Amino acid sequence: MYAIRQAGREIRAAARAEVPVLTGRLQKSISNSRNVRSTGAHSFEISVGPHGSPVYLYSGKIEEEHPYMGPARGVIEGRMGDIFEQAQAKVLSRFA
């Protein structure tokens, strides 16, 4: 759970850095959900992206013109092992 949430925070930060800014409304709307969902045995997911109104009306168009979520996910693909190890160390230091 800690690793998934940390990955979500890093995706959010990378997406906010990549998104084109006109008014800042889209940039501020990019967030990760607090709920971690189980998608099967030992498989989990978290939602990261633009949330809220009226951003959902134009976020898809902006994503097509200037991709920002795809590259943001790509930023952490190679780092998931490190993110997991850091989260595991945090949990062990906190609860062990």
PDB file of N, CA and C in Angstrom:
ATOM      1  N   MET A   1       0.821  -1.182   0.000  1.00  0.00           N
ATOM      2  CA  MET A   1       0.000   0.000   0.000  1.00  0.00           C
ATOM      3  C   MET A   1       0.874   1.258   0.000  1.00  0.00           C
ATOM      4  N   TYR A   2       1.930   1.262   0.821  1.00  0.00           N
ATOM      5  CA  TYR A   2       2.800   2.429   0.879  1.00  0.00           C
ATOM      6  C   TYR A   2       3.506   2.654  -0.453  1.00  0.00           C
ATOM      7  N   ALA A   3       3.940   1.567  -1.091  1.00  0.00           N
ATOM      8  CA  ALA A   3       4.639   1.684  -2.379  1.00  0.00           C
ATOM      9  C   ALA A   3       3.696   2.200  -3.456  1.00  0.00           C
ATOM     10  N   ILE A   4       2.469   1.719  -3.477  1.00  0.00           N
ATOM     11  CA  ILE A   4       1.493   2.166  -4.477  1.00  0.00           C
ATOM     12  C   ILE A   4       1.195   3.652  -4.291  1.00  0.00           C
ATOM     13  N   ARG A   5       1.008   4.068  -3.053  1.00  0.00           N
ATOM     14  CA  ARG A   5       0.723   5.483  -2.795  1.00  0.00           C
ATOM     15  C   ARG A   5       1.911   6.376  -3.153  1.00  0.00           C
ATOM     16  N   GLN A   6       3.135   5.914  -2.864  1.00  0.00           N
ATOM     17  CA  GLN A   6       4.315   6.701  -3.221  1.00  0.00           C
ATOM     18  C   GLN A   6       4.451   6.799  -4.734  1.00  0.00           C
ATOM     19  N   ALA A   7       4.166   5.714  -5.434  1.00  0.00           N
ATOM     20  CA  ALA A   7       4.194   5.751  -6.902  1.00  0.00           C
ATOM     21  C   ALA A   7       3.169   6.751  -7.420  1.00  0.00           C
ATOM     22  N   GLY A   8       1.989   6.778  -6.815  1.00  0.00           N
ATOM     23  CA  GLY A   8       0.958   7.741  -7.201  1.00  0.00           C
ATOM     24  C   GLY A   8       1.402   9.175  -6.981  1.00  0.00           C
ATOM     25  N   ARG A   9       2.080   9.425  -5.860  1.00  0.00           N
ATOM     26  CA  ARG A   9       2.572  10.783  -5.593  1.00  0.00           C
ATOM     27  C   ARG A   9       3.634  11.204  -6.613  1.00  0.00           C
ATOM     28  N   GLU A  10       4.493  10.258  -6.993  1.00  0.00           N
ATOM     29  CA  GLU A  10       5.534  10.596  -7.964  1.00  0.00           C
ATOM     30  C   GLU A  10       4.953  10.800  -9.363  1.00  0.00           C
ATOM     31  N   ILE A  11       3.953  10.021  -9.727  1.00  0.00           N
ATOM     32  CA  ILE A  11       3.277  10.229 -11.014  1.00  0.00           C
ATOM     33  C   ILE A  11       2.592  11.589 -11.016  1.00  0.00           C
ATOM     34  N   ARG A  12       1.917  11.918  -9.924  1.00  0.00           N
ATOM     35  CA  ARG A  12       1.245  13.215  -9.816  1.00  0.00           C
ATOM     36  C   ARG A  12       2.237  14.364  -9.990  1.00  0.00           C
ATOM     37  N   ALA A  13       3.373  14.283  -9.333  1.00  0.00           N
ATOM     38  CA  ALA A  13       4.376  15.347  -9.423  1.00  0.00           C
ATOM     39  C   ALA A  13       4.924  15.464 -10.845  1.00  0.00           C
ATOM     40  N   ALA A  14       5.187  14.322 -11.494  1.00  0.00           N
ATOM     41  CA  ALA A  14       5.715  14.351 -12.860  1.00  0.00           C
ATOM     42  C   ALA A  14       4.678  14.892 -13.835  1.00  0.00           C
ATOM     43  N   ALA A  15       3.408  14.510 -13.650  1.00  0.00           N
ATOM     44  CA  ALA A  15       2.347  14.996 -14.545  1.00  0.00           C
ATOM     45  C   ALA A  15       2.141  16.492 -14.374  1.00  0.00           C
ATOM     46  N   ARG A  16       2.176  16.972 -13.143  1.00  0.00           N
ATOM     47  CA  ARG A  16       2.016  18.408 -12.916  1.00  0.00           C
ATOM     48  C   ARG A  16       3.166  19.198 -13.529  1.00  0.00           C
ATOM     49  N   ALA A  17       4.354  18.602 -13.564  1.00  0.00           N
ATOM     50  CA  ALA A  17       5.497  19.285 -14.172  1.00  0.00           C
ATOM     51  C   ALA A  17       5.401  19.302 -15.693  1.00  0.00           C
ATOM     52  N   GLU A  18       4.734  18.301 -16.300  1.00  0.00           N
ATOM     53  CA  GLU A  18       4.664  18.167 -17.754  1.00  0.00           C
ATOM     54  C   GLU A  18       3.467  18.862 -18.391  1.00  0.00           C
ATOM     55  N   VAL A  19       2.380  19.026 -17.651  1.00  0.00           N
ATOM     56  CA  VAL A  19       1.145  19.546 -18.238  1.00  0.00           C
ATOM     57  C   VAL A  19       1.333  21.005 -18.673  1.00  0.00           C
ATOM     58  N   PRO A  20       0.825  21.353 -19.866  1.00  0.00           N
ATOM     59  CA  PRO A  20       0.894  22.761 -20.269  1.00  0.00           C
ATOM     60  C   PRO A  20      -0.010  23.613 -19.370  1.00  0.00           C
ATOM     61  N   VAL A  21       0.501  24.764 -18.974  1.00  0.00           N
ATOM     62  CA  VAL A  21      -0.230  25.605 -18.021  1.00  0.00           C
ATOM     63  C   VAL A  21      -0.711  26.871 -18.708  1.00  0.00           C
ATOM     64  N   LEU A  22      -2.020  27.068 -18.714  1.00  0.00           N
ATOM     65  CA  LEU A  22      -2.593  28.313 -19.198  1.00  0.00           C
ATOM     66  C   LEU A  22      -3.161  29.074 -17.996  1.00  0.00           C
ATOM     67  N   THR A  23      -4.082  28.427 -17.294  1.00  0.00           N
ATOM     68  CA  THR A  23      -4.646  29.051 -16.097  1.00  0.00           C
ATOM     69  C   THR A  23      -4.193  28.337 -14.828  1.00  0.00           C
ATOM     70  N   GLY A  24      -3.684  27.124 -14.944  1.00  0.00           N
ATOM     71  CA  GLY A  24      -3.264  26.352 -13.787  1.00  0.00           C
ATOM     72  C   GLY A  24      -4.350  25.461 -13.229  1.00  0.00           C
ATOM     73  N   ARG A  25      -5.553  25.560 -13.768  1.00  0.00           N
ATOM     74  CA  ARG A  25      -6.669  24.760 -13.249  1.00  0.00           C
ATOM     75  C   ARG A  25      -6.454  23.270 -13.499  1.00  0.00           C
ATOM     76  N   LEU A  26      -5.987  22.920 -14.703  1.00  0.00           N
ATOM     77  CA  LEU A  26      -5.728  21.516 -15.013  1.00  0.00           C
ATOM     78  C   LEU A  26      -4.578  20.990 -14.166  1.00  0.00           C
ATOM     79  N   GLN A  27      -3.547  21.777 -14.033  1.00  0.00           N
ATOM     80  CA  GLN A  27      -2.384  21.367 -13.241  1.00  0.00           C
ATOM     81  C   GLN A  27      -2.782  21.101 -11.786  1.00  0.00           C
ATOM     82  N   LYS A  28      -3.585  21.951 -11.211  1.00  0.00           N
ATOM     83  CA  LYS A  28      -4.005  21.782  -9.823  1.00  0.00           C
ATOM     84  C   LYS A  28      -4.964  20.607  -9.650  1.00  0.00           C
ATOM     85  N   SER A  29      -5.654  20.226 -10.719  1.00  0.00           N
ATOM     86  CA  SER A  29      -6.637  19.152 -10.603  1.00  0.00           C
ATOM     87  C   SER A  29      -6.006  17.764 -10.633  1.00  0.00           C
ATOM     88  N   ILE A  30      -4.752  17.662 -11.025  1.00  0.00           N
ATOM     89  CA  ILE A  30      -4.093  16.355 -11.090  1.00  0.00           C
ATOM     90  C   ILE A  30      -3.815  15.896  -9.668  1.00  0.00           C
ATOM     91  N   SER A  31      -4.414  14.777  -9.316  1.00  0.00           N
ATOM     92  CA  SER A  31      -4.257  14.250  -7.967  1.00  0.00           C
ATOM     93  C   SER A  31      -4.321  12.738  -8.003  1.00  0.00           C
ATOM     94  N   ASN A  32      -3.922  12.130  -6.910  1.00  0.00           N
ATOM     95  CA  ASN A  32      -4.056  10.689  -6.796  1.00  0.00           C
ATOM     96  C   ASN A  32      -5.095  10.396  -5.722  1.00  0.00           C
ATOM     97  N   SER A  33      -5.857   9.342  -5.955  1.00  0.00           N
ATOM     98  CA  SER A  33      -6.906   9.005  -4.996  1.00  0.00           C
ATOM     99  C   SER A  33      -6.268   8.426  -3.739  1.00  0.00           C
ATOM    100  N   ARG A  34      -6.978   8.454  -2.664  1.00  0.00           N
ATOM    101  CA  ARG A  34      -6.478   7.902  -1.407  1.00  0.00           C
ATOM    102  C   ARG A  34      -6.794   6.420  -1.286  1.00  0.00           C
ATOM    103  N   ASN A  35      -7.697   5.949  -2.130  1.00  0.00           N
ATOM    104  CA  ASN A  35      -8.121   4.555  -2.060  1.00  0.00           C
ATOM    105  C   ASN A  35      -7.240   3.681  -2.934  1.00  0.00           C
ATOM    106  N   VAL A  36      -6.683   2.646  -2.353  1.00  0.00           N
ATOM    107  CA  VAL A  36      -5.925   1.648  -3.089  1.00  0.00           C
ATOM    108  C   VAL A  36      -6.875   0.480  -3.299  1.00  0.00           C
ATOM    109  N   ARG A  37      -7.092   0.106  -4.556  1.00  0.00           N
ATOM    110  CA  ARG A  37      -8.032  -0.966  -4.885  1.00  0.00           C
ATOM    111  C   ARG A  37      -7.290  -2.248  -5.207  1.00  0.00           C
ATOM    112  N   SER A  38      -7.835  -3.354  -4.753  1.00  0.00           N
ATOM    113  CA  SER A  38      -7.294  -4.659  -5.095  1.00  0.00           C
ATOM    114  C   SER A  38      -7.869  -5.083  -6.440  1.00  0.00           C
ATOM    115  N   THR A  39      -6.993  -5.494  -7.350  1.00  0.00           N
ATOM    116  CA  THR A  39      -7.449  -5.922  -8.678  1.00  0.00           C
ATOM    117  C   THR A  39      -7.247  -7.410  -8.878  1.00  0.00           C
ATOM    118  N   GLY A  40      -6.877  -8.102  -7.848  1.00  0.00           N
ATOM    119  CA  GLY A  40      -6.656  -9.542  -7.928  1.00  0.00           C
ATOM    120  C   GLY A  40      -5.698  -9.964  -6.832  1.00  0.00           C
ATOM    121  N   ALA A  41      -5.213 -11.192  -6.936  1.00  0.00           N
ATOM    122  CA  ALA A  41      -4.274 -11.700  -5.952  1.00  0.00           C
ATOM    123  C   ALA A  41      -2.950 -10.942  -6.059  1.00  0.00           C
ATOM    124  N   HIS A  42      -2.595 -10.249  -5.016  1.00  0.00           N
ATOM    125  CA  HIS A  42      -1.335  -9.490  -4.939  1.00  0.00           C
ATOM    126  C   HIS A  42      -1.218  -8.440  -6.035  1.00  0.00           C
ATOM    127  N   SER A  43      -2.322  -7.846  -6.420  1.00  0.00           N
ATOM    128  CA  SER A  43      -2.333  -6.818  -7.455  1.00  0.00           C
ATOM    129  C   SER A  43      -3.212  -5.659  -6.985  1.00  0.00           C
ATOM    130  N   PHE A  44      -2.668  -4.450  -7.079  1.00  0.00           N
ATOM    131  CA  PHE A  44      -3.368  -3.277  -6.584  1.00  0.00           C
ATOM    132  C   PHE A  44      -3.247  -2.139  -7.578  1.00  0.00           C
ATOM    133  N   GLU A  45      -4.156  -1.167  -7.475  1.00  0.00           N
ATOM    134  CA  GLU A  45      -4.098   0.005  -8.342  1.00  0.00           C
ATOM    135  C   GLU A  45      -4.585   1.231  -7.582  1.00  0.00           C
ATOM    136  N   ILE A  46      -4.175   2.379  -8.100  1.00  0.00           N
ATOM    137  CA  ILE A  46      -4.582   3.663  -7.553  1.00  0.00           C
ATOM    138  C   ILE A  46      -4.871   4.572  -8.747  1.00  0.00           C
ATOM    139  N   SER A  47      -5.825   5.455  -8.607  1.00  0.00           N
ATOM    140  CA  SER A  47      -6.194   6.370  -9.688  1.00  0.00           C
ATOM    141  C   SER A  47      -5.397   7.668  -9.559  1.00  0.00           C
ATOM    142  N   VAL A  48      -4.714   8.035 -10.655  1.00  0.00           N
ATOM    143  CA  VAL A  48      -3.965   9.292 -10.700  1.00  0.00           C
ATOM    144  C   VAL A  48      -4.355  10.007 -11.982  1.00  0.00           C
ATOM    145  N   GLY A  49      -4.742  11.261 -11.871  1.00  0.00           N
ATOM    146  CA  GLY A  49      -5.103  12.020 -13.063  1.00  0.00           C
ATOM    147  C   GLY A  49      -5.915  13.242 -12.706  1.00  0.00           C
ATOM    148  N   PRO A  50      -6.386  13.951 -13.728  1.00  0.00           N
ATOM    149  CA  PRO A  50      -7.213  15.125 -13.474  1.00  0.00           C
ATOM    150  C   PRO A  50      -8.560  14.716 -12.881  1.00  0.00           C
ATOM    151  N   HIS A  51      -8.929  15.317 -11.786  1.00  0.00           N
ATOM    152  CA  HIS A  51     -10.203  15.032 -11.138  1.00  0.00           C
ATOM    153  C   HIS A  51     -10.936  16.347 -10.913  1.00  0.00           C
ATOM    154  N   GLY A  52     -12.239  16.295 -11.037  1.00  0.00           N
ATOM    155  CA  GLY A  52     -13.048  17.459 -10.726  1.00  0.00           C
ATOM    156  C   GLY A  52     -13.647  18.118 -11.949  1.00  0.00           C
ATOM    157  N   SER A  53     -14.522  19.039 -11.678  1.00  0.00           N
ATOM    158  CA  SER A  53     -15.238  19.749 -12.722  1.00  0.00           C
ATOM    159  C   SER A  53     -14.677  21.157 -12.820  1.00  0.00           C
ATOM    160  N   PRO A  54     -14.582  21.745 -13.942  1.00  0.00           N
ATOM    161  CA  PRO A  54     -14.899  21.362 -15.315  1.00  0.00           C
ATOM    162  C   PRO A  54     -13.709  20.775 -16.057  1.00  0.00           C
ATOM    163  N   VAL A  55     -12.678  20.366 -15.332  1.00  0.00           N
ATOM    164  CA  VAL A  55     -11.445  19.908 -15.952  1.00  0.00           C
ATOM    165  C   VAL A  55     -11.656  18.665 -16.801  1.00  0.00           C
ATOM    166  N   TYR A  56     -12.542  17.772 -16.384  1.00  0.00           N
ATOM    167  CA  TYR A  56     -12.746  16.543 -17.137  1.00  0.00           C
ATOM    168  C   TYR A  56     -13.271  16.817 -18.545  1.00  0.00           C
ATOM    169  N   LEU A  57     -13.823  17.988 -18.785  1.00  0.00           N
ATOM    170  CA  LEU A  57     -14.353  18.311 -20.104  1.00  0.00           C
ATOM    171  C   LEU A  57     -13.255  18.540 -21.138  1.00  0.00           C
ATOM    172  N   TYR A  58     -12.096  19.012 -20.708  1.00  0.00           N
ATOM    173  CA  TYR A  58     -11.039  19.313 -21.673  1.00  0.00           C
ATOM    174  C   TYR A  58      -9.718  18.600 -21.401  1.00  0.00           C
ATOM    175  N   SER A  59      -9.603  17.832 -20.335  1.00  0.00           N
ATOM    176  CA  SER A  59      -8.334  17.175 -20.028  1.00  0.00           C
ATOM    177  C   SER A  59      -7.953  16.159 -21.098  1.00  0.00           C
ATOM    178  N   GLY A  60      -8.917  15.474 -21.679  1.00  0.00           N
ATOM    179  CA  GLY A  60      -8.630  14.510 -22.748  1.00  0.00           C
ATOM    180  C   GLY A  60      -8.074  15.180 -23.993  1.00  0.00           C
ATOM    181  N   LYS A  61      -8.613  16.333 -24.327  1.00  0.00           N
ATOM    182  CA  LYS A  61      -8.132  17.075 -25.495  1.00  0.00           C
ATOM    183  C   LYS A  61      -6.692  17.542 -25.280  1.00  0.00           C
ATOM    184  N   ILE A  62      -6.404  18.034 -24.096  1.00  0.00           N
ATOM    185  CA  ILE A  62      -5.049  18.489 -23.784  1.00  0.00           C
ATOM    186  C   ILE A  62      -4.087  17.298 -23.792  1.00  0.00           C
ATOM    187  N   GLU A  63      -4.534  16.149 -23.279  1.00  0.00           N
ATOM    188  CA  GLU A  63      -3.698  14.942 -23.274  1.00  0.00           C
ATOM    189  C   GLU A  63      -3.355  14.508 -24.692  1.00  0.00           C
ATOM    190  N   GLU A  64      -4.304  14.633 -25.619  1.00  0.00           N
ATOM    191  CA  GLU A  64      -4.039  14.276 -27.023  1.00  0.00           C
ATOM    192  C   GLU A  64      -3.031  15.226 -27.659  1.00  0.00           C
ATOM    193  N   GLU A  65      -3.159  16.519 -27.378  1.00  0.00           N
ATOM    194  CA  GLU A  65      -2.275  17.513 -27.985  1.00  0.00           C
ATOM    195  C   GLU A  65      -0.888  17.531 -27.346  1.00  0.00           C
ATOM    196  N   HIS A  66      -0.840  17.429 -26.019  1.00  0.00           N
ATOM    197  CA  HIS A  66       0.422  17.481 -25.266  1.00  0.00           C
ATOM    198  C   HIS A  66       0.385  16.386 -24.202  1.00  0.00           C
ATOM    199  N   PRO A  67       0.814  15.163 -24.545  1.00  0.00           N
ATOM    200  CA  PRO A  67       0.740  14.078 -23.561  1.00  0.00           C
ATOM    201  C   PRO A  67       1.498  14.419 -22.277  1.00  0.00           C
ATOM    202  N   TYR A  68       0.835  14.217 -21.160  1.00  0.00           N
ATOM    203  CA  TYR A  68       1.473  14.478 -19.869  1.00  0.00           C
ATOM    204  C   TYR A  68       1.300  13.319 -18.901  1.00  0.00           C
ATOM    205  N   MET A  69       0.221  12.561 -18.985  1.00  0.00           N
ATOM    206  CA  MET A  69       0.025  11.436 -18.075  1.00  0.00           C
ATOM    207  C   MET A  69       0.868  10.233 -18.488  1.00  0.00           C
ATOM    208  N   GLY A  70       0.940   9.945 -19.774  1.00  0.00           N
ATOM    209  CA  GLY A  70       1.755   8.824 -20.247  1.00  0.00           C
ATOM    210  C   GLY A  70       3.218   8.979 -19.875  1.00  0.00           C
ATOM    211  N   PRO A  71       3.835  10.112 -20.200  1.00  0.00           N
ATOM    212  CA  PRO A  71       5.226  10.313 -19.788  1.00  0.00           C
ATOM    213  C   PRO A  71       5.415  10.296 -18.269  1.00  0.00           C
ATOM    214  N   ALA A  72       4.427  10.749 -17.537  1.00  0.00           N
ATOM    215  CA  ALA A  72       4.528  10.746 -16.074  1.00  0.00           C
ATOM    216  C   ALA A  72       4.561   9.311 -15.547  1.00  0.00           C
ATOM    217  N   ARG A  73       3.750   8.424 -16.144  1.00  0.00           N
ATOM    218  CA  ARG A  73       3.800   7.012 -15.745  1.00  0.00           C
ATOM    219  C   ARG A  73       5.137   6.396 -16.129  1.00  0.00           C
ATOM    220  N   GLY A  74       5.683   6.812 -17.261  1.00  0.00           N
ATOM    221  CA  GLY A  74       6.963   6.289 -17.709  1.00  0.00           C
ATOM    222  C   GLY A  74       8.108   6.669 -16.790  1.00  0.00           C
ATOM    223  N   VAL A  75       7.972   7.775 -16.081  1.00  0.00           N
ATOM    224  CA  VAL A  75       9.028   8.233 -15.181  1.00  0.00           C
ATOM    225  C   VAL A  75       9.297   7.203 -14.078  1.00  0.00           C
ATOM    226  N   ILE A  76       8.256   6.573 -13.573  1.00  0.00           N
ATOM    227  CA  ILE A  76       8.457   5.673 -12.439  1.00  0.00           C
ATOM    228  C   ILE A  76       8.566   4.205 -12.829  1.00  0.00           C
ATOM    229  N   GLU A  77       8.376   3.855 -14.081  1.00  0.00           N
ATOM    230  CA  GLU A  77       8.410   2.440 -14.462  1.00  0.00           C
ATOM    231  C   GLU A  77       9.711   1.762 -14.034  1.00  0.00           C
ATOM    232  N   GLY A  78      10.821   2.392 -14.252  1.00  0.00           N
ATOM    233  CA  GLY A  78      12.099   1.808 -13.871  1.00  0.00           C
ATOM    234  C   GLY A  78      12.422   1.950 -12.399  1.00  0.00           C
ATOM    235  N   ARG A  79      11.677   2.772 -11.703  1.00  0.00           N
ATOM    236  CA  ARG A  79      11.948   3.039 -10.295  1.00  0.00           C
ATOM    237  C   ARG A  79      11.057   2.272  -9.324  1.00  0.00           C
ATOM    238  N   MET A  80      10.150   1.453  -9.814  1.00  0.00           N
ATOM    239  CA  MET A  80       9.219   0.770  -8.909  1.00  0.00           C
ATOM    240  C   MET A  80       9.935  -0.118  -7.899  1.00  0.00           C
ATOM    241  N   GLY A  81      11.030  -0.744  -8.294  1.00  0.00           N
ATOM    242  CA  GLY A  81      11.788  -1.557  -7.343  1.00  0.00           C
ATOM    243  C   GLY A  81      12.324  -0.721  -6.194  1.00  0.00           C
ATOM    244  N   ASP A  82      12.890   0.431  -6.512  1.00  0.00           N
ATOM    245  CA  ASP A  82      13.410   1.334  -5.477  1.00  0.00           C
ATOM    246  C   ASP A  82      12.286   1.880  -4.606  1.00  0.00           C
ATOM    247  N   ILE A  83      11.180   2.235  -5.238  1.00  0.00           N
ATOM    248  CA  ILE A  83      10.032   2.751  -4.481  1.00  0.00           C
ATOM    249  C   ILE A  83       9.531   1.691  -3.505  1.00  0.00           C
ATOM    250  N   PHE A  84       9.467   0.440  -3.957  1.00  0.00           N
ATOM    251  CA  PHE A  84       9.007  -0.649  -3.088  1.00  0.00           C
ATOM    252  C   PHE A  84       9.975  -0.857  -1.923  1.00  0.00           C
ATOM    253  N   GLU A  85      11.273  -0.839  -2.189  1.00  0.00           N
ATOM    254  CA  GLU A  85      12.254  -1.036  -1.123  1.00  0.00           C
ATOM    255  C   GLU A  85      12.196   0.091  -0.097  1.00  0.00           C
ATOM    256  N   GLN A  86      12.033   1.333  -0.555  1.00  0.00           N
ATOM    257  CA  GLN A  86      11.921   2.456   0.373  1.00  0.00           C
ATOM    258  C   GLN A  86      10.665   2.339   1.224  1.00  0.00           C
ATOM    259  N   ALA A  87       9.561   1.945   0.606  1.00  0.00           N
ATOM    260  CA  ALA A  87       8.302   1.782   1.345  1.00  0.00           C
ATOM    261  C   ALA A  87       8.417   0.649   2.355  1.00  0.00           C
ATOM    262  N   GLN A  88       9.066  -0.440   1.966  1.00  0.00           N
ATOM    263  CA  GLN A  88       9.242  -1.571   2.868  1.00  0.00           C
ATOM    264  C   GLN A  88      10.110  -1.170   4.067  1.00  0.00           C
ATOM    265  N   ALA A  89      11.185  -0.425   3.814  1.00  0.00           N
ATOM    266  CA  ALA A  89      12.043   0.034   4.912  1.00  0.00           C
ATOM    267  C   ALA A  89      11.266   0.969   5.842  1.00  0.00           C
ATOM    268  N   LYS A  90      10.425   1.826   5.278  1.00  0.00           N
ATOM    269  CA  LYS A  90       9.623   2.734   6.094  1.00  0.00           C
ATOM    270  C   LYS A  90       8.654   1.978   6.988  1.00  0.00           C
ATOM    271  N   VAL A  91       8.003   0.971   6.426  1.00  0.00           N
ATOM    272  CA  VAL A  91       7.059   0.172   7.205  1.00  0.00           C
ATOM    273  C   VAL A  91       7.766  -0.583   8.301  1.00  0.00           C
ATOM    274  N   LEU A  92       8.912  -1.197   7.972  1.00  0.00           N
ATOM    275  CA  LEU A  92       9.643  -1.981   8.979  1.00  0.00           C
ATOM    276  C   LEU A  92      10.173  -1.094  10.094  1.00  0.00           C
ATOM    277  N   SER A  93      10.624   0.111   9.765  1.00  0.00           N
ATOM    278  CA  SER A  93      11.122   0.992  10.822  1.00  0.00           C
ATOM    279  C   SER A  93       9.987   1.529  11.691  1.00  0.00           C
ATOM    280  N   ARG A  94       8.824   1.621  11.097  1.00  0.00           N
ATOM    281  CA  ARG A  94       7.692   2.184  11.829  1.00  0.00           C
ATOM    282  C   ARG A  94       6.990   1.155  12.707  1.00  0.00           C
ATOM    283  N   PHE A  95       6.865  -0.077  12.212  1.00  0.00           N
ATOM    284  CA  PHE A  95       6.064  -1.072  12.906  1.00  0.00           C
ATOM    285  C   PHE A  95       6.863  -2.230  13.492  1.00  0.00           C
ATOM    286  N   ALA A  96       8.146  -2.328  13.210  1.00  0.00           N
ATOM    287  CA  ALA A  96       8.933  -3.464  13.729  1.00  0.00           C
ATOM    288  C   ALA A  96       9.631  -3.122  15.013  1.00  0.00           C
TER     289      ALA A  96
END
